[in-house]
C-alpha cells in the first residue's frame, strides 16, 4: 500500500500545474534545484511543483565563433 501511495504522489507532482520535468528544464538551459535558486539565478519553471524548481542564470551565456 505504501508503494502505491508513493506512485500516486509522484504522478500528481509531475502532472500538477506547469511542472514539465527535468528534461525540459535542462534542454532549455536550466538546472533543477530543491528549495531555492542560488544567487544569480531566477525561477523559470518547475521540475516538480512545488518542491523542485527549474532555475536559470540571470546573465545570458554567449558563445563566440
PDB file of N, CA and C in Angstrom:
ATOM      1  N   UNK A   1       0.822  -1.197   0.000  1.00  0.00           N
ATOM      2  CA  UNK A   1       0.000   0.000   0.000  1.00  0.00           C
ATOM      3  C   UNK A   1       0.866   1.262   0.000  1.00  0.00           C
ATOM      4  N   UNK A   2       2.005   1.210   0.687  1.00  0.00           N
ATOM      5  CA  UNK A   2       2.906   2.357   0.747  1.00  0.00           C
ATOM      6  C   UNK A   2       3.505   2.692  -0.610  1.00  0.00           C
ATOM      7  N   UNK A   3       3.846   1.659  -1.371  1.00  0.00           N
ATOM      8  CA  UNK A   3       4.413   1.878  -2.702  1.00  0.00           C
ATOM      9  C   UNK A   3       3.379   2.524  -3.617  1.00  0.00           C
ATOM     10  N   UNK A   4       2.143   2.098  -3.513  1.00  0.00           N
ATOM     11  CA  UNK A   4       1.070   2.683  -4.318  1.00  0.00           C
ATOM     12  C   UNK A   4       0.916   4.165  -4.008  1.00  0.00           C
ATOM     13  N   UNK A   5       1.007   4.530  -2.743  1.00  0.00           N
ATOM     14  CA  UNK A   5       0.887   5.934  -2.345  1.00  0.00           C
ATOM     15  C   UNK A   5       2.041   6.767  -2.912  1.00  0.00           C
ATOM     16  N   UNK A   6       3.247   6.231  -2.898  1.00  0.00           N
ATOM     17  CA  UNK A   6       4.406   6.935  -3.453  1.00  0.00           C
ATOM     18  C   UNK A   6       4.217   7.149  -4.949  1.00  0.00           C
ATOM     19  N   UNK A   7       3.720   6.148  -5.651  1.00  0.00           N
ATOM     20  CA  UNK A   7       3.476   6.264  -7.092  1.00  0.00           C
ATOM     21  C   UNK A   7       2.428   7.332  -7.382  1.00  0.00           C
ATOM     22  N   UNK A   8       1.360   7.352  -6.612  1.00  0.00           N
ATOM     23  CA  UNK A   8       0.302   8.353  -6.801  1.00  0.00           C
ATOM     24  C   UNK A   8       0.843   9.763  -6.550  1.00  0.00           C
ATOM     25  N   UNK A   9       1.636   9.945  -5.514  1.00  0.00           N
ATOM     26  CA  UNK A   9       2.220  11.257  -5.214  1.00  0.00           C
ATOM     27  C   UNK A   9       3.160  11.682  -6.333  1.00  0.00           C
ATOM     28  N   UNK A  10       3.992  10.777  -6.819  1.00  0.00           N
ATOM     29  CA  UNK A  10       4.926  11.101  -7.899  1.00  0.00           C
ATOM     30  C   UNK A  10       4.174  11.520  -9.154  1.00  0.00           C
ATOM     31  N   UNK A  11       3.149  10.791  -9.518  1.00  0.00           N
ATOM     32  CA  UNK A  11       2.359  11.133 -10.713  1.00  0.00           C
ATOM     33  C   UNK A  11       1.679  12.476 -10.533  1.00  0.00           C
ATOM     34  N   UNK A  12       1.131  12.739  -9.361  1.00  0.00           N
ATOM     35  CA  UNK A  12       0.452  14.018  -9.142  1.00  0.00           C
ATOM     36  C   UNK A  12       1.440  15.185  -9.179  1.00  0.00           C
ATOM     37  N   UNK A  13       2.664  14.983  -8.708  1.00  0.00           N
ATOM     38  CA  UNK A  13       3.662  16.048  -8.761  1.00  0.00           C
ATOM     39  C   UNK A  13       4.082  16.352 -10.194  1.00  0.00           C
ATOM     40  N   UNK A  14       4.227  15.330 -11.008  1.00  0.00           N
ATOM     41  CA  UNK A  14       4.662  15.555 -12.380  1.00  0.00           C
ATOM     42  C   UNK A  14       3.555  16.111 -13.261  1.00  0.00           C
ATOM     43  N   UNK A  15       2.303  15.913 -12.879  1.00  0.00           N
ATOM     44  CA  UNK A  15       1.194  16.381 -13.699  1.00  0.00           C
ATOM     45  C   UNK A  15       0.606  17.693 -13.210  1.00  0.00           C
ATOM     46  N   UNK A  16       1.063  18.221 -12.104  1.00  0.00           N
ATOM     47  CA  UNK A  16       0.473  19.402 -11.489  1.00  0.00           C
ATOM     48  C   UNK A  16       0.979  20.683 -12.127  1.00  0.00           C
ATOM     49  N   UNK A  17       0.081  21.592 -12.401  1.00  0.00           N
ATOM     50  CA  UNK A  17       0.453  22.931 -12.874  1.00  0.00           C
ATOM     51  C   UNK A  17       1.339  22.894 -14.095  1.00  0.00           C
ATOM     52  N   UNK A  18       2.404  23.700 -14.070  1.00  0.00           N
ATOM     53  CA  UNK A  18       3.320  23.752 -15.200  1.00  0.00           C
ATOM     54  C   UNK A  18       4.596  22.974 -14.915  1.00  0.00           C
ATOM     55  N   UNK A  19       4.487  21.932 -14.109  1.00  0.00           N
ATOM     56  CA  UNK A  19       5.638  21.081 -13.833  1.00  0.00           C
ATOM     57  C   UNK A  19       5.942  20.279 -15.084  1.00  0.00           C
ATOM     58  N   UNK A  20       7.044  20.597 -15.718  1.00  0.00           N
ATOM     59  CA  UNK A  20       7.340  19.992 -17.008  1.00  0.00           C
ATOM     60  C   UNK A  20       8.431  18.949 -16.932  1.00  0.00           C
ATOM     61  N   UNK A  21       9.125  18.838 -15.835  1.00  0.00           N
ATOM     62  CA  UNK A  21      10.130  17.804 -15.668  1.00  0.00           C
ATOM     63  C   UNK A  21      11.549  18.283 -15.925  1.00  0.00           C
ATOM     64  N   UNK A  22      12.504  17.507 -15.422  1.00  0.00           N
ATOM     65  CA  UNK A  22      13.905  17.904 -15.538  1.00  0.00           C
ATOM     66  C   UNK A  22      14.432  17.903 -16.970  1.00  0.00           C
ATOM     67  N   UNK A  23      13.889  17.067 -17.843  1.00  0.00           N
ATOM     68  CA  UNK A  23      14.373  17.041 -19.221  1.00  0.00           C
ATOM     69  C   UNK A  23      14.118  18.384 -19.903  1.00  0.00           C
ATOM     70  N   UNK A  24      12.903  18.926 -19.740  1.00  0.00           N
ATOM     71  CA  UNK A  24      12.577  20.225 -20.332  1.00  0.00           C
ATOM     72  C   UNK A  24      13.438  21.332 -19.732  1.00  0.00           C
ATOM     73  N   UNK A  25      13.643  21.282 -18.438  1.00  0.00           N
ATOM     74  CA  UNK A  25      14.441  22.300 -17.764  1.00  0.00           C
ATOM     75  C   UNK A  25      15.874  22.288 -18.289  1.00  0.00           C
ATOM     76  N   UNK A  26      16.484  21.117 -18.334  1.00  0.00           N
ATOM     77  CA  UNK A  26      17.861  21.004 -18.808  1.00  0.00           C
ATOM     78  C   UNK A  26      17.980  21.377 -20.283  1.00  0.00           C
ATOM     79  N   UNK A  27      16.996  20.973 -21.073  1.00  0.00           N
ATOM     80  CA  UNK A  27      17.024  21.276 -22.507  1.00  0.00           C
ATOM     81  C   UNK A  27      16.965  22.776 -22.764  1.00  0.00           C
ATOM     82  N   UNK A  28      16.261  23.504 -21.896  1.00  0.00           N
ATOM     83  CA  UNK A  28      16.120  24.949 -22.051  1.00  0.00           C
ATOM     84  C   UNK A  28      17.201  25.730 -21.303  1.00  0.00           C
ATOM     85  N   UNK A  29      18.241  25.053 -20.825  1.00  0.00           N
ATOM     86  CA  UNK A  29      19.373  25.723 -20.195  1.00  0.00           C
ATOM     87  C   UNK A  29      19.240  25.967 -18.709  1.00  0.00           C
ATOM     88  N   UNK A  30      18.339  25.271 -18.045  1.00  0.00           N
ATOM     89  CA  UNK A  30      18.157  25.452 -16.610  1.00  0.00           C
ATOM     90  C   UNK A  30      18.686  24.277 -15.813  1.00  0.00           C
ATOM     91  N   UNK A  31      18.641  24.432 -14.498  1.00  0.00           N
ATOM     92  CA  UNK A  31      19.036  23.377 -13.576  1.00  0.00           C
ATOM     93  C   UNK A  31      17.925  23.171 -12.562  1.00  0.00           C
ATOM     94  N   UNK A  32      17.628  21.929 -12.240  1.00  0.00           N
ATOM     95  CA  UNK A  32      16.627  21.631 -11.220  1.00  0.00           C
ATOM     96  C   UNK A  32      17.279  21.761  -9.848  1.00  0.00           C
ATOM     97  N   UNK A  33      16.629  22.504  -8.962  1.00  0.00           N
ATOM     98  CA  UNK A  33      17.151  22.713  -7.611  1.00  0.00           C
ATOM     99  C   UNK A  33      16.024  22.526  -6.597  1.00  0.00           C
ATOM    100  N   UNK A  34      16.386  21.993  -5.431  1.00  0.00           N
ATOM    101  CA  UNK A  34      15.431  21.804  -4.350  1.00  0.00           C
ATOM    102  C   UNK A  34      15.431  23.042  -3.473  1.00  0.00           C
ATOM    103  N   UNK A  35      14.257  23.579  -3.187  1.00  0.00           N
ATOM    104  CA  UNK A  35      14.139  24.699  -2.255  1.00  0.00           C
ATOM    105  C   UNK A  35      14.177  26.058  -2.899  1.00  0.00           C
ATOM    106  N   UNK A  36      15.369  26.558  -3.189  1.00  0.00           N
ATOM    107  CA  UNK A  36      15.540  27.902  -3.738  1.00  0.00           C
ATOM    108  C   UNK A  36      16.583  27.913  -4.837  1.00  0.00           C
ATOM    109  N   UNK A  37      16.461  28.898  -5.721  1.00  0.00           N
ATOM    110  CA  UNK A  37      17.507  29.124  -6.711  1.00  0.00           C
ATOM    111  C   UNK A  37      18.668  29.826  -6.004  1.00  0.00           C
ATOM    112  N   UNK A  38      19.875  29.608  -6.491  1.00  0.00           N
ATOM    113  CA  UNK A  38      21.044  30.245  -5.892  1.00  0.00           C
ATOM    114  C   UNK A  38      21.186  31.666  -6.431  1.00  0.00           C
ATOM    115  N   UNK A  39      22.099  32.440  -5.832  1.00  0.00           N
ATOM    116  CA  UNK A  39      22.337  33.810  -6.256  1.00  0.00           C
ATOM    117  C   UNK A  39      22.729  33.833  -7.734  1.00  0.00           C
ATOM    118  N   UNK A  40      22.150  34.747  -8.480  1.00  0.00           N
ATOM    119  CA  UNK A  40      22.431  34.862  -9.897  1.00  0.00           C
ATOM    120  C   UNK A  40      21.517  34.034 -10.777  1.00  0.00           C
ATOM    121  N   UNK A  41      20.505  33.396 -10.167  1.00  0.00           N
ATOM    122  CA  UNK A  41      19.543  32.601 -10.918  1.00  0.00           C
ATOM    123  C   UNK A  41      18.134  33.069 -10.612  1.00  0.00           C
ATOM    124  N   UNK A  42      17.197  32.720 -11.496  1.00  0.00           N
ATOM    125  CA  UNK A  42      15.783  33.037 -11.277  1.00  0.00           C
ATOM    126  C   UNK A  42      14.943  31.794 -11.546  1.00  0.00           C
ATOM    127  N   UNK A  43      13.740  31.774 -10.976  1.00  0.00           N
ATOM    128  CA  UNK A  43      12.816  30.663 -11.167  1.00  0.00           C
ATOM    129  C   UNK A  43      12.197  30.773 -12.552  1.00  0.00           C
ATOM    130  N   UNK A  44      12.480  29.814 -13.421  1.00  0.00           N
ATOM    131  CA  UNK A  44      11.954  29.830 -14.785  1.00  0.00           C
ATOM    132  C   UNK A  44      10.686  28.988 -14.899  1.00  0.00           C
ATOM    133  N   UNK A  45      10.648  27.868 -14.201  1.00  0.00           N
ATOM    134  CA  UNK A  45       9.507  26.955 -14.205  1.00  0.00           C
ATOM    135  C   UNK A  45       9.731  25.969 -13.069  1.00  0.00           C
ATOM    136  N   UNK A  46       8.972  24.912 -13.034  1.00  0.00           N
ATOM    137  CA  UNK A  46       9.133  23.881 -12.020  1.00  0.00           C
ATOM    138  C   UNK A  46       9.525  22.569 -12.673  1.00  0.00           C
ATOM    139  N   UNK A  47      10.453  21.847 -12.041  1.00  0.00           N
ATOM    140  CA  UNK A  47      10.740  20.483 -12.471  1.00  0.00           C
ATOM    141  C   UNK A  47       9.667  19.566 -11.889  1.00  0.00           C
ATOM    142  N   UNK A  48       9.395  19.707 -10.596  1.00  0.00           N
ATOM    143  CA  UNK A  48       8.313  19.015  -9.914  1.00  0.00           C
ATOM    144  C   UNK A  48       7.712  20.008  -8.926  1.00  0.00           C
ATOM    145  N   UNK A  49       6.589  20.596  -9.289  1.00  0.00           N
ATOM    146  CA  UNK A  49       5.957  21.648  -8.498  1.00  0.00           C
ATOM    147  C   UNK A  49       5.415  21.076  -7.203  1.00  0.00           C
ATOM    148  N   UNK A  50       5.523  21.707  -6.086  1.00  0.00           N
ATOM    149  CA  UNK A  50       6.163  22.981  -5.781  1.00  0.00           C
ATOM    150  C   UNK A  50       7.534  22.817  -5.147  1.00  0.00           C
ATOM    151  N   UNK A  51       8.082  21.611  -5.167  1.00  0.00           N
ATOM    152  CA  UNK A  51       9.288  21.314  -4.398  1.00  0.00           C
ATOM    153  C   UNK A  51      10.566  21.573  -5.182  1.00  0.00           C
ATOM    154  N   UNK A  52      10.641  21.097  -6.401  1.00  0.00           N
ATOM    155  CA  UNK A  52      11.876  21.186  -7.175  1.00  0.00           C
ATOM    156  C   UNK A  52      11.710  22.242  -8.260  1.00  0.00           C
ATOM    157  N   UNK A  53      12.561  23.255  -8.204  1.00  0.00           N
ATOM    158  CA  UNK A  53      12.479  24.401  -9.094  1.00  0.00           C
ATOM    159  C   UNK A  53      13.418  24.243 -10.276  1.00  0.00           C
ATOM    160  N   UNK A  54      13.052  24.865 -11.387  1.00  0.00           N
ATOM    161  CA  UNK A  54      13.944  24.953 -12.539  1.00  0.00           C
ATOM    162  C   UNK A  54      14.508  26.366 -12.543  1.00  0.00           C
ATOM    163  N   UNK A  55      15.788  26.487 -12.268  1.00  0.00           N
ATOM    164  CA  UNK A  55      16.434  27.792 -12.155  1.00  0.00           C
ATOM    165  C   UNK A  55      17.327  28.039 -13.364  1.00  0.00           C
ATOM    166  N   UNK A  56      17.289  29.268 -13.850  1.00  0.00           N
ATOM    167  CA  UNK A  56      18.135  29.673 -14.972  1.00  0.00           C
ATOM    168  C   UNK A  56      18.988  30.848 -14.553  1.00  0.00           C
ATOM    169  N   UNK A  57      20.126  30.971 -15.189  1.00  0.00           N
ATOM    170  CA  UNK A  57      21.065  32.043 -14.891  1.00  0.00           C
ATOM    171  C   UNK A  57      20.501  33.390 -15.329  1.00  0.00           C
ATOM    172  N   UNK A  58      20.738  34.442 -14.518  1.00  0.00           N
ATOM    173  CA  UNK A  58      20.304  35.777 -14.871  1.00  0.00           C
ATOM    174  C   UNK A  58      21.073  36.342 -16.051  1.00  0.00           C
ATOM    175  N   UNK A  59      22.363  36.036 -16.117  1.00  0.00           N
ATOM    176  CA  UNK A  59      23.177  36.557 -17.219  1.00  0.00           C
ATOM    177  C   UNK A  59      23.164  35.559 -18.367  1.00  0.00           C
ATOM    178  N   UNK A  60      22.834  36.028 -19.567  1.00  0.00           N
ATOM    179  CA  UNK A  60      22.818  35.116 -20.721  1.00  0.00           C
ATOM    180  C   UNK A  60      24.235  34.692 -21.071  1.00  0.00           C
ATOM    181  N   UNK A  61      24.368  33.438 -21.427  1.00  0.00           N
ATOM    182  CA  UNK A  61      25.671  32.944 -21.838  1.00  0.00           C
ATOM    183  C   UNK A  61      25.825  33.176 -23.331  1.00  0.00           C
ATOM    184  N   UNK A  62      26.951  33.716 -23.711  1.00  0.00           N
ATOM    185  CA  UNK A  62      27.192  33.983 -25.123  1.00  0.00           C
ATOM    186  C   UNK A  62      28.359  33.144 -25.586  1.00  0.00           C
ATOM    187  N   UNK A  63      28.279  32.724 -26.824  1.00  0.00           N
ATOM    188  CA  UNK A  63      29.365  31.958 -27.400  1.00  0.00           C
ATOM    189  C   UNK A  63      29.954  32.757 -28.552  1.00  0.00           C
ATOM    190  N   UNK A  64      31.271  32.760 -28.617  1.00  0.00           N
ATOM    191  CA  UNK A  64      31.947  33.475 -29.690  1.00  0.00           C
ATOM    192  C   UNK A  64      32.404  32.488 -30.751  1.00  0.00           C
ATOM    193  N   UNK A  65      32.268  32.873 -31.993  1.00  0.00           N
ATOM    194  CA  UNK A  65      32.677  31.991 -33.092  1.00  0.00           C
ATOM    195  C   UNK A  65      34.093  32.290 -33.504  1.00  0.00           C
TER     196      UNK A  65
END
